[in-house]
Amino acid sequence: TFAAELGARRLVCLGEGPDEYQPQQSVRTWFNVTNPR
């Protein structure tokens, strides 16, 4: 849906971050299991 924004470089994909997250019951909220603080 945002292909044009990516093409214009208003958005740029940087790749994955290093921390691992666990999805919570609400599905879209993530708990940081690499660094729980």
PDB file of all heavy atoms in Angstrom:
ATOM      1  N   THR A   1       0.820  -1.216   0.000  1.00  0.00           N
ATOM      2  CA  THR A   1       0.000   0.000   0.000  1.00  0.00           C
ATOM      3  C   THR A   1       0.850   1.261   0.000  1.00  0.00           C
ATOM      4  O   THR A   1       0.435   2.294  -0.525  1.00  0.00           O
ATOM      5  CB  THR A   1      -0.945  -0.015   1.212  1.00  0.00           C
ATOM      6  OG1 THR A   1      -1.679  -1.239   1.212  1.00  0.00           O
ATOM      7  CG2 THR A   1      -1.914   1.137   1.177  1.00  0.00           C
ATOM      8  N   PHE A   2       2.039   1.183   0.587  1.00  0.00           N
ATOM      9  CA  PHE A   2       2.916   2.350   0.681  1.00  0.00           C
ATOM     10  C   PHE A   2       4.062   2.271  -0.336  1.00  0.00           C
ATOM     11  O   PHE A   2       5.097   2.898  -0.146  1.00  0.00           O
ATOM     12  CB  PHE A   2       3.485   2.466   2.095  1.00  0.00           C
ATOM     13  CG  PHE A   2       2.464   2.862   3.129  1.00  0.00           C
ATOM     14  CD1 PHE A   2       1.521   1.955   3.589  1.00  0.00           C
ATOM     15  CD2 PHE A   2       2.445   4.147   3.650  1.00  0.00           C
ATOM     16  CE1 PHE A   2       0.575   2.308   4.542  1.00  0.00           C
ATOM     17  CE2 PHE A   2       1.508   4.520   4.606  1.00  0.00           C
ATOM     18  CZ  PHE A   2       0.574   3.597   5.047  1.00  0.00           C
ATOM     19  N   ALA A   3       3.856   1.548  -1.431  1.00  0.00           N
ATOM     20  CA  ALA A   3       4.929   1.356  -2.408  1.00  0.00           C
ATOM     21  C   ALA A   3       5.414   2.679  -2.986  1.00  0.00           C
ATOM     22  O   ALA A   3       6.626   2.887  -3.181  1.00  0.00           O
ATOM     23  CB  ALA A   3       4.449   0.427  -3.528  1.00  0.00           C
ATOM     24  N   ALA A   4       4.496   3.603  -3.266  1.00  0.00           N
ATOM     25  CA  ALA A   4       4.906   4.892  -3.824  1.00  0.00           C
ATOM     26  C   ALA A   4       5.722   5.694  -2.818  1.00  0.00           C
ATOM     27  O   ALA A   4       6.674   6.408  -3.197  1.00  0.00           O
ATOM     28  CB  ALA A   4       3.674   5.693  -4.253  1.00  0.00           C
ATOM     29  N   GLU A   5       5.359   5.585  -1.527  1.00  0.00           N
ATOM     30  CA  GLU A   5       6.129   6.285  -0.490  1.00  0.00           C
ATOM     31  C   GLU A   5       7.539   5.728  -0.393  1.00  0.00           C
ATOM     32  O   GLU A   5       8.510   6.466  -0.172  1.00  0.00           O
ATOM     33  CB  GLU A   5       5.416   6.155   0.860  1.00  0.00           C
ATOM     34  CG  GLU A   5       3.958   6.609   0.875  1.00  0.00           C
ATOM     35  CD  GLU A   5       3.819   8.069   0.512  1.00  0.00           C
ATOM     36  OE1 GLU A   5       4.201   8.927   1.328  1.00  0.00           O
ATOM     37  OE2 GLU A   5       3.337   8.344  -0.599  1.00  0.00           O
ATOM     38  N   LEU A   6       7.655   4.409  -0.558  1.00  0.00           N
ATOM     39  CA  LEU A   6       8.974   3.783  -0.541  1.00  0.00           C
ATOM     40  C   LEU A   6       9.765   4.173  -1.780  1.00  0.00           C
ATOM     41  O   LEU A   6      10.973   4.427  -1.707  1.00  0.00           O
ATOM     42  CB  LEU A   6       8.823   2.261  -0.452  1.00  0.00           C
ATOM     43  CG  LEU A   6       8.306   1.742   0.893  1.00  0.00           C
ATOM     44  CD1 LEU A   6       7.636   0.376   0.735  1.00  0.00           C
ATOM     45  CD2 LEU A   6       9.438   1.651   1.895  1.00  0.00           C
ATOM     46  N   GLY A   7       9.073   4.230  -2.926  1.00  0.00           N
ATOM     47  CA  GLY A   7       9.747   4.619  -4.155  1.00  0.00           C
ATOM     48  C   GLY A   7      10.273   6.038  -4.109  1.00  0.00           C
ATOM     49  O   GLY A   7      11.357   6.341  -4.647  1.00  0.00           O
ATOM     50  N   ALA A   8       9.532   6.915  -3.456  1.00  0.00           N
ATOM     51  CA  ALA A   8       9.953   8.314  -3.326  1.00  0.00           C
ATOM     52  C   ALA A   8      10.920   8.512  -2.164  1.00  0.00           C
ATOM     53  O   ALA A   8      11.381   9.630  -1.925  1.00  0.00           O
ATOM     54  CB  ALA A   8       8.729   9.206  -3.140  1.00  0.00           C
ATOM     55  N   ARG A   9      11.198   7.441  -1.433  1.00  0.00           N
ATOM     56  CA  ARG A   9      12.103   7.454  -0.281  1.00  0.00           C
ATOM     57  C   ARG A   9      11.630   8.373   0.840  1.00  0.00           C
ATOM     58  O   ARG A   9      12.440   8.878   1.612  1.00  0.00           O
ATOM     59  CB  ARG A   9      13.536   7.787  -0.703  1.00  0.00           C
ATOM     60  CG  ARG A   9      14.137   6.655  -1.540  1.00  0.00           C
ATOM     61  CD  ARG A   9      15.545   6.919  -1.985  1.00  0.00           C
ATOM     62  NE  ARG A   9      16.051   5.761  -2.735  1.00  0.00           N
ATOM     63  CZ  ARG A   9      17.143   5.783  -3.494  1.00  0.00           C
ATOM     64  NH1 ARG A   9      17.838   6.915  -3.604  1.00  0.00           N
ATOM     65  NH2 ARG A   9      17.523   4.705  -4.135  1.00  0.00           N
ATOM     66  N   ARG A  10      10.312   8.559   0.887  1.00  0.00           N
ATOM     67  CA  ARG A  10       9.741   9.153   2.094  1.00  0.00           C
ATOM     68  C   ARG A  10       9.725   8.107   3.200  1.00  0.00           C
ATOM     69  O   ARG A  10       9.707   8.426   4.381  1.00  0.00           O
ATOM     70  CB  ARG A  10       8.334   9.691   1.808  1.00  0.00           C
ATOM     71  CG  ARG A  10       8.336  10.913   0.907  1.00  0.00           C
ATOM     72  CD  ARG A  10       6.952  11.521   0.756  1.00  0.00           C
ATOM     73  NE  ARG A  10       6.092  10.717  -0.097  1.00  0.00           N
ATOM     74  CZ  ARG A  10       5.978  10.881  -1.405  1.00  0.00           C
ATOM     75  NH1 ARG A  10       6.680  11.809  -2.037  1.00  0.00           N
ATOM     76  NH2 ARG A  10       5.147  10.122  -2.113  1.00  0.00           N
ATOM     77  N   LEU A  11       9.732   6.845   2.786  1.00  0.00           N
ATOM     78  CA  LEU A  11       9.930   5.699   3.668  1.00  0.00           C
ATOM     79  C   LEU A  11      11.094   4.880   3.144  1.00  0.00           C
ATOM     80  O   LEU A  11      11.221   4.692   1.924  1.00  0.00           O
ATOM     81  CB  LEU A  11       8.683   4.810   3.716  1.00  0.00           C
ATOM     82  CG  LEU A  11       7.436   5.339   4.415  1.00  0.00           C
ATOM     83  CD1 LEU A  11       6.266   4.377   4.189  1.00  0.00           C
ATOM     84  CD2 LEU A  11       7.684   5.507   5.909  1.00  0.00           C
ATOM     85  N   VAL A  12      11.931   4.393   4.059  1.00  0.00           N
ATOM     86  CA  VAL A  12      13.058   3.540   3.676  1.00  0.00           C
ATOM     87  C   VAL A  12      13.088   2.351   4.619  1.00  0.00           C
ATOM     88  O   VAL A  12      13.077   2.523   5.851  1.00  0.00           O
ATOM     89  CB  VAL A  12      14.394   4.297   3.760  1.00  0.00           C
ATOM     90  CG1 VAL A  12      15.557   3.362   3.399  1.00  0.00           C
ATOM     91  CG2 VAL A  12      14.383   5.527   2.853  1.00  0.00           C
ATOM     92  N   CYS A  13      13.122   1.154   4.066  1.00  0.00           N
ATOM     93  CA  CYS A  13      13.231  -0.046   4.904  1.00  0.00           C
ATOM     94  C   CYS A  13      14.682  -0.238   5.316  1.00  0.00           C
ATOM     95  O   CYS A  13      15.588  -0.319   4.475  1.00  0.00           O
ATOM     96  CB  CYS A  13      12.733  -1.271   4.143  1.00  0.00           C
ATOM     97  SG  CYS A  13      12.770  -2.778   5.141  1.00  0.00           S
ATOM     98  N   LEU A  14      14.904  -0.330   6.631  1.00  0.00           N
ATOM     99  CA  LEU A  14      16.260  -0.449   7.179  1.00  0.00           C
ATOM    100  C   LEU A  14      16.617  -1.876   7.564  1.00  0.00           C
ATOM    101  O   LEU A  14      17.772  -2.160   7.888  1.00  0.00           O
ATOM    102  CB  LEU A  14      16.387   0.454   8.411  1.00  0.00           C
ATOM    103  CG  LEU A  14      16.080   1.939   8.185  1.00  0.00           C
ATOM    104  CD1 LEU A  14      16.056   2.678   9.513  1.00  0.00           C
ATOM    105  CD2 LEU A  14      17.094   2.560   7.234  1.00  0.00           C
ATOM    106  N   GLY A  15      15.630  -2.770   7.576  1.00  0.00           N
ATOM    107  CA  GLY A  15      15.876  -4.156   7.968  1.00  0.00           C
ATOM    108  C   GLY A  15      15.410  -4.431   9.384  1.00  0.00           C
ATOM    109  O   GLY A  15      14.787  -3.585  10.048  1.00  0.00           O
ATOM    110  N   GLU A  16      15.714  -5.608   9.867  1.00  0.00           N
ATOM    111  CA  GLU A  16      15.289  -6.018  11.206  1.00  0.00           C
ATOM    112  C   GLU A  16      16.207  -5.434  12.274  1.00  0.00           C
ATOM    113  O   GLU A  16      17.409  -5.262  12.055  1.00  0.00           O
ATOM    114  CB  GLU A  16      15.297  -7.541  11.331  1.00  0.00           C
ATOM    115  CG  GLU A  16      14.257  -8.242  10.473  1.00  0.00           C
ATOM    116  CD  GLU A  16      14.289  -9.743  10.678  1.00  0.00           C
ATOM    117  OE1 GLU A  16      15.298 -10.256  11.219  1.00  0.00           O
ATOM    118  OE2 GLU A  16      13.309 -10.411  10.304  1.00  0.00           O
ATOM    119  N   GLY A  17      15.616  -5.146  13.441  1.00  0.00           N
ATOM    120  CA  GLY A  17      16.411  -4.779  14.597  1.00  0.00           C
ATOM    121  C   GLY A  17      16.976  -6.016  15.273  1.00  0.00           C
ATOM    122  O   GLY A  17      16.550  -7.140  14.997  1.00  0.00           O
ATOM    123  N   PRO A  18      17.944  -5.847  16.178  1.00  0.00           N
ATOM    124  CA  PRO A  18      18.599  -7.008  16.784  1.00  0.00           C
ATOM    125  C   PRO A  18      17.804  -7.674  17.901  1.00  0.00           C
ATOM    126  O   PRO A  18      18.006  -8.861  18.175  1.00  0.00           O
ATOM    127  CB  PRO A  18      19.901  -6.425  17.333  1.00  0.00           C
ATOM    128  CG  PRO A  18      19.553  -4.993  17.634  1.00  0.00           C
ATOM    129  CD  PRO A  18      18.568  -4.582  16.576  1.00  0.00           C
ATOM    130  N   ASP A  19      16.912  -6.943  18.571  1.00  0.00           N
ATOM    131  CA  ASP A  19      16.206  -7.486  19.732  1.00  0.00           C
ATOM    132  C   ASP A  19      15.077  -8.421  19.301  1.00  0.00           C
ATOM    133  O   ASP A  19      14.407  -8.198  18.282  1.00  0.00           O
ATOM    134  CB  ASP A  19      15.620  -6.370  20.591  1.00  0.00           C
ATOM    135  CG  ASP A  19      16.674  -5.620  21.377  1.00  0.00           C
ATOM    136  OD1 ASP A  19      17.859  -5.986  21.267  1.00  0.00           O
ATOM    137  OD2 ASP A  19      16.315  -4.665  22.105  1.00  0.00           O
ATOM    138  N   GLU A  20      14.865  -9.456  20.116  1.00  0.00           N
ATOM    139  CA  GLU A  20      13.747 -10.366  19.879  1.00  0.00           C
ATOM    140  C   GLU A  20      12.591  -9.999  20.805  1.00  0.00           C
ATOM    141  O   GLU A  20      12.790  -9.644  21.973  1.00  0.00           O
ATOM    142  CB  GLU A  20      14.173 -11.816  20.118  1.00  0.00           C
ATOM    143  CG  GLU A  20      15.171 -12.305  19.080  1.00  0.00           C
ATOM    144  CD  GLU A  20      15.418 -13.802  19.187  1.00  0.00           C
ATOM    145  OE1 GLU A  20      15.410 -14.324  20.326  1.00  0.00           O
ATOM    146  OE2 GLU A  20      15.614 -14.455  18.139  1.00  0.00           O
ATOM    147  N   TYR A  21      11.382 -10.088  20.273  1.00  0.00           N
ATOM    148  CA  TYR A  21      10.169  -9.713  20.984  1.00  0.00           C
ATOM    149  C   TYR A  21       9.195 -10.875  21.012  1.00  0.00           C
ATOM    150  O   TYR A  21       9.176 -11.707  20.099  1.00  0.00           O
ATOM    151  CB  TYR A  21       9.496  -8.520  20.303  1.00  0.00           C
ATOM    152  CG  TYR A  21      10.249  -7.215  20.422  1.00  0.00           C
ATOM    153  CD1 TYR A  21      11.292  -6.915  19.544  1.00  0.00           C
ATOM    154  CD2 TYR A  21       9.912  -6.276  21.395  1.00  0.00           C
ATOM    155  CE1 TYR A  21      11.982  -5.707  19.642  1.00  0.00           C
ATOM    156  CE2 TYR A  21      10.599  -5.064  21.500  1.00  0.00           C
ATOM    157  CZ  TYR A  21      11.629  -4.796  20.614  1.00  0.00           C
ATOM    158  OH  TYR A  21      12.310  -3.616  20.711  1.00  0.00           O
ATOM    159  N   GLN A  22       8.380 -10.903  22.059  1.00  0.00           N
ATOM    160  CA  GLN A  22       7.332 -11.911  22.207  1.00  0.00           C
ATOM    161  C   GLN A  22       5.973 -11.217  22.101  1.00  0.00           C
ATOM    162  O   GLN A  22       5.725 -10.242  22.821  1.00  0.00           O
ATOM    163  CB  GLN A  22       7.442 -12.592  23.573  1.00  0.00           C
ATOM    164  CG  GLN A  22       6.343 -13.593  23.875  1.00  0.00           C
ATOM    165  CD  GLN A  22       6.476 -14.866  23.057  1.00  0.00           C
ATOM    166  OE1 GLN A  22       7.579 -15.273  22.718  1.00  0.00           O
ATOM    167  NE2 GLN A  22       5.355 -15.474  22.737  1.00  0.00           N
ATOM    168  N   PRO A  23       5.095 -11.663  21.202  1.00  0.00           N
ATOM    169  CA  PRO A  23       3.770 -11.041  21.126  1.00  0.00           C
ATOM    170  C   PRO A  23       2.956 -11.307  22.387  1.00  0.00           C
ATOM    171  O   PRO A  23       2.992 -12.398  22.950  1.00  0.00           O
ATOM    172  CB  PRO A  23       3.130 -11.698  19.897  1.00  0.00           C
ATOM    173  CG  PRO A  23       3.841 -12.995  19.740  1.00  0.00           C
ATOM    174  CD  PRO A  23       5.239 -12.762  20.225  1.00  0.00           C
ATOM    175  N   GLN A  24       2.214 -10.287  22.832  1.00  0.00           N
ATOM    176  CA  GLN A  24       1.358 -10.413  24.004  1.00  0.00           C
ATOM    177  C   GLN A  24      -0.052 -10.842  23.586  1.00  0.00           C
ATOM    178  O   GLN A  24      -0.331 -11.034  22.400  1.00  0.00           O
ATOM    179  CB  GLN A  24       1.333  -9.084  24.751  1.00  0.00           C
ATOM    180  CG  GLN A  24       2.713  -8.617  25.198  1.00  0.00           C
ATOM    181  CD  GLN A  24       3.370  -9.588  26.156  1.00  0.00           C
ATOM    182  OE1 GLN A  24       3.050  -9.643  27.336  1.00  0.00           O
ATOM    183  NE2 GLN A  24       4.320 -10.375  25.659  1.00  0.00           N
ATOM    184  N   GLN A  25      -0.949 -10.974  24.563  1.00  0.00           N
ATOM    185  CA  GLN A  25      -2.305 -11.428  24.261  1.00  0.00           C
ATOM    186  C   GLN A  25      -3.007 -10.537  23.252  1.00  0.00           C
ATOM    187  O   GLN A  25      -3.841 -11.005  22.478  1.00  0.00           O
ATOM    188  CB  GLN A  25      -3.135 -11.461  25.551  1.00  0.00           C
ATOM    189  CG  GLN A  25      -2.832 -12.627  26.464  1.00  0.00           C
ATOM    190  CD  GLN A  25      -3.621 -12.497  27.748  1.00  0.00           C
ATOM    191  OE1 GLN A  25      -3.291 -11.713  28.614  1.00  0.00           O
ATOM    192  NE2 GLN A  25      -4.682 -13.260  27.858  1.00  0.00           N
ATOM    193  N   SER A  26      -2.689  -9.251  23.266  1.00  0.00           N
ATOM    194  CA  SER A  26      -3.345  -8.325  22.349  1.00  0.00           C
ATOM    195  C   SER A  26      -2.811  -8.434  20.926  1.00  0.00           C
ATOM    196  O   SER A  26      -3.259  -7.715  20.038  1.00  0.00           O
ATOM    197  CB  SER A  26      -3.183  -6.885  22.856  1.00  0.00           C
ATOM    198  OG  SER A  26      -1.807  -6.563  22.981  1.00  0.00           O
ATOM    199  N   VAL A  27      -1.840  -9.298  20.693  1.00  0.00           N
ATOM    200  CA  VAL A  27      -1.286  -9.690  19.398  1.00  0.00           C
ATOM    201  C   VAL A  27      -0.369  -8.612  18.792  1.00  0.00           C
ATOM    202  O   VAL A  27       0.709  -8.925  18.293  1.00  0.00           O
ATOM    203  CB  VAL A  27      -2.405 -10.074  18.391  1.00  0.00           C
ATOM    204  CG1 VAL A  27      -1.810 -10.491  17.052  1.00  0.00           C
ATOM    205  CG2 VAL A  27      -3.256 -11.200  18.940  1.00  0.00           C
ATOM    206  N   ARG A  28      -0.771  -7.342  18.847  1.00  0.00           N
ATOM    207  CA  ARG A  28       0.040  -6.304  18.201  1.00  0.00           C
ATOM    208  C   ARG A  28       1.027  -5.635  19.150  1.00  0.00           C
ATOM    209  O   ARG A  28       1.749  -4.729  18.741  1.00  0.00           O
ATOM    210  CB  ARG A  28      -0.871  -5.246  17.581  1.00  0.00           C
ATOM    211  CG  ARG A  28      -1.755  -4.539  18.592  1.00  0.00           C
ATOM    212  CD  ARG A  28      -2.589  -3.434  17.962  1.00  0.00           C
ATOM    213  NE  ARG A  28      -3.611  -2.971  18.892  1.00  0.00           N
ATOM    214  CZ  ARG A  28      -4.346  -1.885  18.706  1.00  0.00           C
ATOM    215  NH1 ARG A  28      -4.170  -1.161  17.632  1.00  0.00           N
ATOM    216  NH2 ARG A  28      -5.259  -1.545  19.585  1.00  0.00           N
ATOM    217  N   THR A  29       1.040  -6.026  20.408  1.00  0.00           N
ATOM    218  CA  THR A  29       1.976  -5.453  21.381  1.00  0.00           C
ATOM    219  C   THR A  29       3.071  -6.472  21.676  1.00  0.00           C
ATOM    220  O   THR A  29       2.794  -7.646  21.903  1.00  0.00           O
ATOM    221  CB  THR A  29       1.250  -5.060  22.674  1.00  0.00           C
ATOM    222  OG1 THR A  29       0.248  -4.091  22.370  1.00  0.00           O
ATOM    223  CG2 THR A  29       2.218  -4.463  23.678  1.00  0.00           C
ATOM    224  N   TRP A  30       4.306  -5.992  21.724  1.00  0.00           N
ATOM    225  CA  TRP A  30       5.473  -6.862  21.833  1.00  0.00           C
ATOM    226  C   TRP A  30       6.244  -6.585  23.123  1.00  0.00           C
ATOM    227  O   TRP A  30       6.511  -5.437  23.458  1.00  0.00           O
ATOM    228  CB  TRP A  30       6.405  -6.633  20.649  1.00  0.00           C
ATOM    229  CG  TRP A  30       5.796  -6.897  19.316  1.00  0.00           C
ATOM    230  CD1 TRP A  30       5.096  -6.006  18.545  1.00  0.00           C
ATOM    231  CD2 TRP A  30       5.835  -8.115  18.574  1.00  0.00           C
ATOM    232  NE1 TRP A  30       4.703  -6.610  17.377  1.00  0.00           N
ATOM    233  CE2 TRP A  30       5.143  -7.901  17.366  1.00  0.00           C
ATOM    234  CE3 TRP A  30       6.402  -9.371  18.828  1.00  0.00           C
ATOM    235  CZ2 TRP A  30       4.997  -8.894  16.408  1.00  0.00           C
ATOM    236  CZ3 TRP A  30       6.251 -10.361  17.864  1.00  0.00           C
ATOM    237  CH2 TRP A  30       5.555 -10.123  16.675  1.00  0.00           C
ATOM    238  N   PHE A  31       6.650  -7.674  23.787  1.00  0.00           N
ATOM    239  CA  PHE A  31       7.513  -7.592  24.966  1.00  0.00           C
ATOM    240  C   PHE A  31       8.940  -7.949  24.546  1.00  0.00           C
ATOM    241  O   PHE A  31       9.166  -8.946  23.854  1.00  0.00           O
ATOM    242  CB  PHE A  31       7.026  -8.573  26.037  1.00  0.00           C
ATOM    243  CG  PHE A  31       7.855  -8.578  27.292  1.00  0.00           C
ATOM    244  CD1 PHE A  31       7.732  -7.564  28.229  1.00  0.00           C
ATOM    245  CD2 PHE A  31       8.765  -9.602  27.533  1.00  0.00           C
ATOM    246  CE1 PHE A  31       8.502  -7.573  29.389  1.00  0.00           C
ATOM    247  CE2 PHE A  31       9.534  -9.622  28.682  1.00  0.00           C
ATOM    248  CZ  PHE A  31       9.394  -8.600  29.619  1.00  0.00           C
ATOM    249  N   ASN A  32       9.883  -7.145  24.966  1.00  0.00           N
ATOM    250  CA  ASN A  32      11.276  -7.333  24.574  1.00  0.00           C
ATOM    251  C   ASN A  32      11.893  -8.444  25.429  1.00  0.00           C
ATOM    252  O   ASN A  32      12.148  -8.250  26.619  1.00  0.00           O
ATOM    253  CB  ASN A  32      12.050  -6.023  24.742  1.00  0.00           C
ATOM    254  CG  ASN A  32      13.421  -6.061  24.103  1.00  0.00           C
ATOM    255  OD1 ASN A  32      14.130  -7.060  24.178  1.00  0.00           O
ATOM    256  ND2 ASN A  32      13.807  -4.954  23.470  1.00  0.00           N
ATOM    257  N   VAL A  33      12.142  -9.614  24.834  1.00  0.00           N
ATOM    258  CA  VAL A  33      12.711 -10.739  25.584  1.00  0.00           C
ATOM    259  C   VAL A  33      14.232 -10.686  25.603  1.00  0.00           C
ATOM    260  O   VAL A  33      14.864 -11.326  26.441  1.00  0.00           O
ATOM    261  CB  VAL A  33      12.228 -12.097  25.020  1.00  0.00           C
ATOM    262  CG1 VAL A  33      10.739 -12.258  25.249  1.00  0.00           C
ATOM    263  CG2 VAL A  33      12.566 -12.250  23.547  1.00  0.00           C
ATOM    264  N   THR A  34      14.829  -9.935  24.690  1.00  0.00           N
ATOM    265  CA  THR A  34      16.281  -9.747  24.716  1.00  0.00           C
ATOM    266  C   THR A  34      16.695  -8.853  25.873  1.00  0.00           C
ATOM    267  O   THR A  34      17.653  -9.132  26.586  1.00  0.00           O
ATOM    268  CB  THR A  34      16.770  -9.139  23.385  1.00  0.00           C
ATOM    269  OG1 THR A  34      16.419 -10.015  22.311  1.00  0.00           O
ATOM    270  CG2 THR A  34      18.279  -8.921  23.413  1.00  0.00           C
ATOM    271  N   ASN A  35      15.942  -7.786  26.073  1.00  0.00           N
ATOM    272  CA  ASN A  35      16.199  -6.850  27.171  1.00  0.00           C
ATOM    273  C   ASN A  35      14.855  -6.463  27.781  1.00  0.00           C
ATOM    274  O   ASN A  35      14.248  -5.468  27.364  1.00  0.00           O
ATOM    275  CB  ASN A  35      16.951  -5.618  26.676  1.00  0.00           C
ATOM    276  CG  ASN A  35      17.407  -4.728  27.815  1.00  0.00           C
ATOM    277  OD1 ASN A  35      16.885  -4.810  28.934  1.00  0.00           O
ATOM    278  ND2 ASN A  35      18.382  -3.871  27.549  1.00  0.00           N
ATOM    279  N   PRO A  36      14.359  -7.227  28.763  1.00  0.00           N
ATOM    280  CA  PRO A  36      13.020  -6.987  29.317  1.00  0.00           C
ATOM    281  C   PRO A  36      12.830  -5.625  29.974  1.00  0.00           C
ATOM    282  O   PRO A  36      11.691  -5.223  30.228  1.00  0.00           O
ATOM    283  CB  PRO A  36      12.864  -8.114  30.348  1.00  0.00           C
ATOM    284  CG  PRO A  36      13.776  -9.191  29.888  1.00  0.00           C
ATOM    285  CD  PRO A  36      14.960  -8.452  29.322  1.00  0.00           C
ATOM    286  N   ARG A  37      13.909  -4.922  30.245  1.00  0.00           N
ATOM    287  CA  ARG A  37      13.778  -3.596  30.853  1.00  0.00           C
ATOM    288  C   ARG A  37      13.450  -2.526  29.807  1.00  0.00           C
ATOM    289  O   ARG A  37      13.077  -1.407  30.161  1.00  0.00           O
ATOM    290  CB  ARG A  37      15.061  -3.225  31.607  1.00  0.00           C
ATOM    291  CG  ARG A  37      15.415  -4.209  32.724  1.00  0.00           C
ATOM    292  CD  ARG A  37      16.690  -3.810  33.449  1.00  0.00           C
ATOM    293  NE  ARG A  37      16.491  -2.622  34.262  1.00  0.00           N
ATOM    294  CZ  ARG A  37      16.022  -2.632  35.497  1.00  0.00           C
ATOM    295  NH1 ARG A  37      15.686  -3.782  36.071  1.00  0.00           N
ATOM    296  NH2 ARG A  37      15.885  -1.509  36.180  1.00  0.00           N
TER     297      ARG A  37
END
